[in-house]
Amino acid sequence: RILDKQVIVVNFLVDDLRFYLEMDKFSRLADSVEAVAPHGMRSEKHIAFLKKKLDIISRLFLNSDIPPKLRVRPWD
């Protein structure tokens, strides 16, 4: 399908949306950790959590053994 002059592959839409939502959550978490860092409130526990979440996102979406792998285009 074509939406707003872009080709949308419907079969990948659900996985792409899940990836977007997880990355949005991760981004907000990372921003909150970064915001409190100048005030000395940065926690190693938070940093470890973010690293673990990033690893999970990578394994489930980017380097998944289960097809179809997510197609990430950095220019979007």
Protein backbone atom coordinates (compact mmCIF):
# COMPACT_ATOMS: atom_id res chain seq x y z
CA ARG A 1 0.00 0.00 0.00
CA ILE A 2 1.04 3.58 -0.51
CA LEU A 3 0.50 6.05 2.32
CA ASP A 4 1.72 9.61 2.17
CA LYS A 5 3.85 8.82 -0.89
CA GLN A 6 5.64 5.97 0.94
CA VAL A 7 5.29 2.27 0.28
CA ILE A 8 3.99 0.45 3.35
CA VAL A 9 4.41 -3.33 3.48
CA VAL A 10 1.40 -4.37 5.53
CA ASN A 11 2.99 -7.69 6.54
CA PHE A 12 5.73 -5.80 8.38
CA LEU A 13 3.54 -3.08 9.84
CA VAL A 14 2.84 -4.83 13.16
CA ASP A 15 6.51 -5.64 13.80
CA ASP A 16 7.56 -2.15 12.76
CA LEU A 17 5.01 -0.64 15.14
CA ARG A 18 6.15 -2.84 18.02
CA PHE A 19 9.75 -1.82 17.35
CA TYR A 20 8.80 1.86 17.25
CA LEU A 21 6.91 1.61 20.55
CA GLU A 22 9.80 -0.18 22.29
CA MET A 23 12.32 2.35 20.97
CA ASP A 24 10.07 5.21 22.09
CA LYS A 25 9.89 3.75 25.61
CA PHE A 26 13.65 3.20 25.63
CA SER A 27 14.28 6.75 24.45
CA ARG A 28 12.10 8.22 27.20
CA LEU A 29 13.85 6.10 29.83
CA ALA A 30 17.28 7.12 28.56
CA ASP A 31 16.24 10.79 28.53
CA SER A 32 15.03 10.59 32.14
CA VAL A 33 18.32 9.04 33.28
CA GLU A 34 20.26 11.70 31.40
CA ALA A 35 18.13 14.49 32.90
CA VAL A 36 18.94 13.54 36.50
CA ALA A 37 22.64 12.87 35.87
CA PRO A 38 23.81 16.49 36.46
CA HIS A 39 22.13 16.44 39.87
CA GLY A 40 24.11 13.41 41.01
CA MET A 41 21.02 11.23 40.99
CA ARG A 42 22.30 8.91 38.29
CA SER A 43 21.95 5.32 39.37
CA GLU A 44 24.08 2.41 38.22
CA LYS A 45 20.93 0.34 38.56
CA HIS A 46 19.19 2.54 35.95
CA ILE A 47 22.19 2.33 33.62
CA ALA A 48 22.27 -1.47 33.93
CA PHE A 49 18.52 -1.60 33.23
CA LEU A 50 18.90 0.53 30.08
CA LYS A 51 21.74 -1.66 28.82
CA LYS A 52 19.66 -4.79 29.42
CA LYS A 53 16.64 -3.27 27.65
CA LEU A 54 18.81 -2.26 24.69
CA ASP A 55 20.17 -5.81 24.48
CA ILE A 56 16.64 -7.22 24.50
CA ILE A 57 15.50 -4.81 21.76
CA SER A 58 18.51 -5.80 19.69
CA ARG A 59 17.89 -9.53 20.12
CA LEU A 60 14.13 -9.39 19.52
CA PHE A 61 13.97 -6.91 16.68
CA LEU A 62 17.32 -6.32 15.00
CA ASN A 63 19.15 -9.64 15.30
CA SER A 64 16.21 -12.00 15.65
CA ASP A 65 16.58 -15.60 14.51
CA ILE A 66 12.85 -15.70 13.83
CA PRO A 67 11.91 -14.25 10.44
CA PRO A 68 11.06 -11.68 9.33
CA LYS A 69 13.79 -9.56 10.80
CA LEU A 70 12.90 -5.97 11.32
CA ARG A 71 14.05 -3.71 8.55
CA VAL A 72 15.47 -0.54 10.02
CA ARG A 73 16.26 2.33 7.72
CA PRO A 74 18.35 4.98 9.50
CA TRP A 75 17.29 7.72 7.12
CA ASP A 76 13.63 7.57 8.28
